[in-house]
Amino acid sequence: MSSDVADGPAKDAPWIEVTGSSRLAAWLAERRVSLAFTTYQTGKLFLLGLRPDGGLAVFERTFGRAMGLWADGHTLWLGTQYQVWRFENALRRGETYQGHDRLYVPRLGYTTGDLDAHDVAVDAAGRVVFVATLFNCLATVSVRRSFTPLWRPPFLSKLAAEDRCHLNGLALEAGRPRYVTAVSSRRRARSSRLQRVAGQSAAAGSSDARARTVARCSGGKARGTPRAWPVLQAC
């Protein structure tokens, strides 16, 4: 993708031009899938699929600091600068809209404030879980507060709006939060900003809020290490 800036009138100068490899459209068609992704630098949510004629179809919408994204084929959850949004497919099975079989409409938004939210997922119970990076924790939405904390790294003694470890990534196992990634394991405020050259991962308990066993990465191989914070590539 690249910006397309021209000297002519604005209406004749699309702000973005999308090109793909020669097999991209065929790959999407063979697997009957579409792609969704975000870019926080420009605050965009992109949906990439196929037109009725088989060419690439690209849709984009603007959301400030769009980052975390989760989908199951009918629902999208999106983390942005101040909100966590839920989108639902408005089409029934077999229906289409302008040649497309999904039409995602925003149905619910939770205002969280600026938590520097990163990754987002939905657990087996249907609860949305996101990384509240500023507060160094996993969290879920709340109807009364900005968020409800669920888990924090064991080396941190309290919740504080200090981005101490730059918690950012989240992975589930069997429908439960299992792994997170972080940049630093220091306790000082904003210490992660000084340690961007090395990232870390930790295991997260989903209900008991205790660290579990994780795999230490070394030379491309993994070995079990209880309560370890192995150094990985920075996120």
Protein backbone atom coordinates (compact mmCIF):
# COMPACT_ATOMS: atom_id res chain seq x y z
CA MET A 1 0.00 0.00 0.00
CA SER A 2 1.25 3.46 -0.77
CA SER A 3 -0.09 6.98 -0.66
CA ASP A 4 -0.96 8.43 -4.05
CA VAL A 5 -0.43 12.20 -4.09
CA ALA A 6 -1.23 14.09 -7.26
CA ASP A 7 -1.26 17.73 -8.38
CA GLY A 8 -4.81 17.59 -9.71
CA PRO A 9 -8.08 18.21 -7.86
CA ALA A 10 -8.56 16.31 -4.62
CA LYS A 11 -11.48 14.35 -6.04
CA ASP A 12 -9.17 12.88 -8.67
CA ALA A 13 -6.42 11.96 -6.21
CA PRO A 14 -7.22 8.93 -4.04
CA TRP A 15 -5.35 9.06 -0.76
CA ILE A 16 -4.26 5.44 -1.03
CA GLU A 17 -3.45 3.01 -3.79
CA VAL A 18 -3.56 -0.72 -3.05
CA THR A 19 -1.53 -3.26 -4.95
CA GLY A 20 -1.08 -6.95 -4.21
CA SER A 21 1.08 -9.80 -5.39
CA SER A 22 -0.11 -11.61 -8.49
CA ARG A 23 -1.52 -14.54 -6.50
CA LEU A 24 -3.16 -12.63 -3.64
CA ALA A 25 -6.67 -12.48 -5.11
CA ALA A 26 -6.50 -16.14 -6.15
CA TRP A 27 -5.25 -17.11 -2.68
CA LEU A 28 -8.19 -15.33 -1.02
CA ALA A 29 -10.63 -16.98 -3.43
CA GLU A 30 -9.20 -20.48 -2.97
CA ARG A 31 -9.45 -20.24 0.80
CA ARG A 32 -12.71 -18.27 0.81
CA VAL A 33 -11.33 -15.76 3.32
CA SER A 34 -10.96 -12.03 3.74
CA LEU A 35 -8.38 -10.13 5.76
CA ALA A 36 -8.79 -7.41 8.38
CA PHE A 37 -5.92 -5.41 9.85
CA THR A 38 -5.18 -2.09 11.54
CA THR A 39 -2.50 0.56 11.36
CA TYR A 40 -2.23 2.85 14.36
CA GLN A 41 0.12 5.30 12.62
CA THR A 42 -2.71 6.48 10.37
CA GLY A 43 -5.57 5.26 12.58
CA LYS A 44 -7.16 2.93 10.04
CA LEU A 45 -9.11 -0.32 10.00
CA PHE A 46 -8.76 -2.12 6.66
CA LEU A 47 -10.94 -4.91 5.26
CA LEU A 48 -9.48 -6.72 2.28
CA GLY A 49 -11.59 -9.08 0.18
CA LEU A 50 -12.73 -9.75 -3.35
CA ARG A 51 -14.99 -7.88 -5.75
CA PRO A 52 -17.64 -9.81 -7.71
CA ASP A 53 -15.27 -9.74 -10.72
CA GLY A 54 -12.49 -11.37 -8.69
CA GLY A 55 -10.38 -8.26 -8.15
CA LEU A 56 -9.27 -6.96 -4.77
CA ALA A 57 -11.85 -5.04 -2.73
CA VAL A 58 -10.49 -2.72 -0.06
CA PHE A 59 -12.52 -0.87 2.56
CA GLU A 60 -11.12 1.42 5.24
CA ARG A 61 -12.48 3.40 8.15
CA THR A 62 -10.75 5.84 10.48
CA PHE A 63 -10.36 5.09 14.20
CA GLY A 64 -7.83 7.00 16.26
CA ARG A 65 -4.86 4.76 17.13
CA ALA A 66 -6.56 1.58 15.91
CA MET A 67 -4.58 -1.41 17.17
CA GLY A 68 -5.99 -4.61 18.68
CA LEU A 69 -8.37 -6.56 16.43
CA TRP A 70 -10.26 -9.83 16.93
CA ALA A 71 -12.73 -11.57 14.61
CA ASP A 72 -14.72 -14.80 14.38
CA GLY A 73 -16.41 -14.33 11.00
CA HIS A 74 -19.47 -12.51 12.32
CA THR A 75 -18.15 -10.24 15.08
CA LEU A 76 -15.23 -7.78 15.13
CA TRP A 77 -13.71 -6.28 18.28
CA LEU A 78 -11.44 -3.28 17.80
CA GLY A 79 -9.30 -1.43 20.34
CA THR A 80 -8.75 2.27 19.68
CA GLN A 81 -7.36 5.31 21.46
CA TYR A 82 -10.34 5.92 23.74
CA GLN A 83 -12.83 3.11 22.99
CA VAL A 84 -13.24 -0.62 22.51
CA TRP A 85 -15.73 -1.25 19.68
CA ARG A 86 -17.85 -4.26 18.75
CA PHE A 87 -19.02 -4.67 15.15
CA GLU A 88 -21.60 -7.21 14.01
CA ASN A 89 -22.30 -8.58 10.56
CA ALA A 90 -25.73 -7.23 9.58
CA LEU A 91 -26.34 -9.72 6.75
CA ARG A 92 -28.24 -12.97 7.02
CA ARG A 93 -26.85 -16.17 5.62
CA GLY A 94 -27.03 -16.01 1.83
CA GLU A 95 -27.53 -12.22 1.71
CA THR A 96 -25.06 -9.89 0.02
CA TYR A 97 -24.44 -6.16 0.00
CA GLN A 98 -22.96 -4.71 -3.18
CA GLY A 99 -21.59 -8.13 -3.99
CA HIS A 100 -20.12 -8.83 -0.54
CA ASP A 101 -21.26 -11.36 2.06
CA ARG A 102 -20.34 -9.36 5.18
CA LEU A 103 -21.49 -5.91 6.28
CA TYR A 104 -19.97 -4.95 9.63
CA VAL A 105 -21.89 -2.34 11.59
CA PRO A 106 -20.75 -0.79 14.91
CA ARG A 107 -23.17 -2.03 17.57
CA LEU A 108 -21.47 -1.32 20.87
CA GLY A 109 -18.66 0.92 22.09
CA TYR A 110 -17.09 1.14 25.55
CA THR A 111 -15.30 4.37 26.41
CA THR A 112 -12.14 3.40 28.27
CA GLY A 113 -10.14 6.60 28.12
CA ASP A 114 -6.56 6.55 26.93
CA LEU A 115 -5.26 3.20 28.24
CA ASP A 116 -2.86 2.71 25.31
CA ALA A 117 -4.83 -0.48 24.62
CA HIS A 118 -2.97 -2.95 22.41
CA ASP A 119 -4.04 -6.53 21.69
CA VAL A 120 -7.65 -7.70 22.13
CA ALA A 121 -9.34 -11.12 22.16
CA VAL A 122 -12.54 -12.85 23.25
CA ASP A 123 -12.31 -15.76 25.66
CA ALA A 124 -14.34 -18.97 25.72
CA ALA A 125 -16.98 -17.34 27.92
CA GLY A 126 -17.53 -14.54 25.38
CA ARG A 127 -15.73 -11.94 27.51
CA VAL A 128 -13.60 -9.41 25.66
CA VAL A 129 -10.08 -9.19 27.08
CA PHE A 130 -7.57 -6.53 26.09
CA VAL A 131 -4.10 -5.37 27.04
CA ALA A 132 -4.24 -2.08 28.96
CA THR A 133 -0.64 -1.16 28.28
CA LEU A 134 -0.59 2.08 30.27
CA PHE A 135 -1.73 0.16 33.39
CA ASN A 136 0.46 -2.92 32.71
CA CYS A 137 -2.42 -5.40 32.90
CA LEU A 138 -4.97 -7.54 31.12
CA ALA A 139 -8.42 -6.03 31.44
CA THR A 140 -12.00 -6.30 30.35
CA VAL A 141 -14.66 -3.67 29.76
CA SER A 142 -16.81 -2.22 32.53
CA VAL A 143 -20.19 -0.50 32.47
CA ARG A 144 -19.19 1.80 35.35
CA ARG A 145 -15.44 2.28 35.10
CA SER A 146 -12.82 2.68 32.41
CA PHE A 147 -11.88 -1.00 32.73
CA THR A 148 -11.82 -3.98 35.06
CA PRO A 149 -8.33 -5.40 35.66
CA LEU A 150 -7.94 -9.17 35.29
CA TRP A 151 -4.23 -9.90 35.62
CA ARG A 152 -0.88 -8.12 35.93
CA PRO A 153 2.71 -9.42 35.74
CA PRO A 154 3.85 -10.90 39.05
CA PHE A 155 6.80 -8.51 39.40
CA LEU A 156 4.45 -5.52 39.62
CA SER A 157 2.91 -4.83 43.02
CA LYS A 158 0.11 -2.49 41.95
CA LEU A 159 -1.80 -0.96 39.07
CA ALA A 160 -0.38 2.38 38.03
CA ALA A 161 -0.73 4.50 34.89
CA GLU A 162 3.02 4.36 34.27
CA ASP A 163 3.60 1.84 31.44
CA ARG A 164 6.28 0.09 33.48
CA CYS A 165 6.73 -2.98 31.25
CA HIS A 166 4.92 -2.08 28.01
CA LEU A 167 2.66 -5.11 28.07
CA ASN A 168 1.36 -5.44 24.51
CA GLY A 169 0.60 -8.89 23.06
CA LEU A 170 -1.96 -11.49 24.15
CA ALA A 171 -2.49 -15.14 23.16
CA LEU A 172 -5.22 -17.55 24.29
CA GLU A 173 -5.00 -21.27 24.88
CA ALA A 174 -8.19 -23.33 25.07
CA GLY A 175 -10.15 -20.10 25.09
CA ARG A 176 -8.34 -18.60 28.10
CA PRO A 177 -5.62 -15.91 28.31
CA ARG A 178 -2.36 -17.87 28.42
CA TYR A 179 0.55 -15.76 27.13
CA VAL A 180 1.41 -12.09 27.05
CA THR A 181 4.38 -10.17 25.69
CA ALA A 182 6.18 -7.26 27.30
CA VAL A 183 9.21 -5.13 26.59
CA SER A 184 10.61 -4.81 30.11
CA SER A 185 10.42 -6.51 33.50
CA ARG A 186 11.59 -3.49 35.48
CA ARG A 187 9.48 -1.79 38.12
CA ARG A 188 10.30 1.81 37.26
CA ALA A 189 7.77 4.03 35.52
CA ARG A 190 8.28 4.18 31.75
CA SER A 191 11.27 1.82 32.05
CA SER A 192 10.04 -0.03 28.97
CA ARG A 193 10.90 2.96 26.84
CA LEU A 194 14.55 2.39 27.70
CA GLN A 195 14.48 -1.32 26.94
CA ARG A 196 12.99 -1.52 23.44
CA VAL A 197 15.87 -3.58 22.10
CA ALA A 198 14.59 -6.68 23.92
CA GLY A 199 11.06 -7.94 24.41
CA GLN A 200 9.78 -10.50 26.86
CA SER A 201 6.90 -12.92 27.26
CA ALA A 202 5.19 -14.30 30.31
CA ALA A 203 2.43 -16.77 31.02
CA ALA A 204 -0.80 -15.32 32.35
CA GLY A 205 -3.33 -17.15 34.49
CA SER A 206 -6.86 -16.31 33.38
CA SER A 207 -8.84 -16.67 36.58
CA ASP A 208 -6.34 -17.07 39.42
CA ALA A 209 -4.11 -14.20 38.22
CA ARG A 210 -0.93 -16.24 38.76
CA ALA A 211 1.96 -16.70 36.38
CA ARG A 212 2.31 -20.15 34.81
CA THR A 213 5.02 -22.00 32.97
CA VAL A 214 6.28 -20.43 29.75
CA ALA A 215 8.78 -21.51 27.13
CA ARG A 216 12.21 -19.90 27.06
CA CYS A 217 13.33 -19.23 23.52
CA SER A 218 16.99 -19.89 22.82
CA GLY A 219 18.54 -20.53 19.44
CA GLY A 220 15.15 -21.10 17.86
CA LYS A 221 14.28 -23.93 20.30
CA ALA A 222 12.09 -23.86 23.36
CA ARG A 223 12.35 -25.50 26.75
CA GLY A 224 9.97 -25.22 29.69
CA THR A 225 10.93 -22.65 32.34
CA PRO A 226 8.61 -22.04 35.31
CA ARG A 227 7.69 -18.40 35.86
CA ALA A 228 10.29 -17.23 33.37
CA TRP A 229 10.40 -13.98 31.42
CA PRO A 230 12.34 -15.08 28.34
CA VAL A 231 13.90 -12.49 26.11
CA LEU A 232 12.24 -12.41 22.68
CA GLN A 233 12.23 -10.03 19.76
CA ALA A 234 10.77 -6.65 20.70
CA CYS A 235 7.20 -5.98 19.59
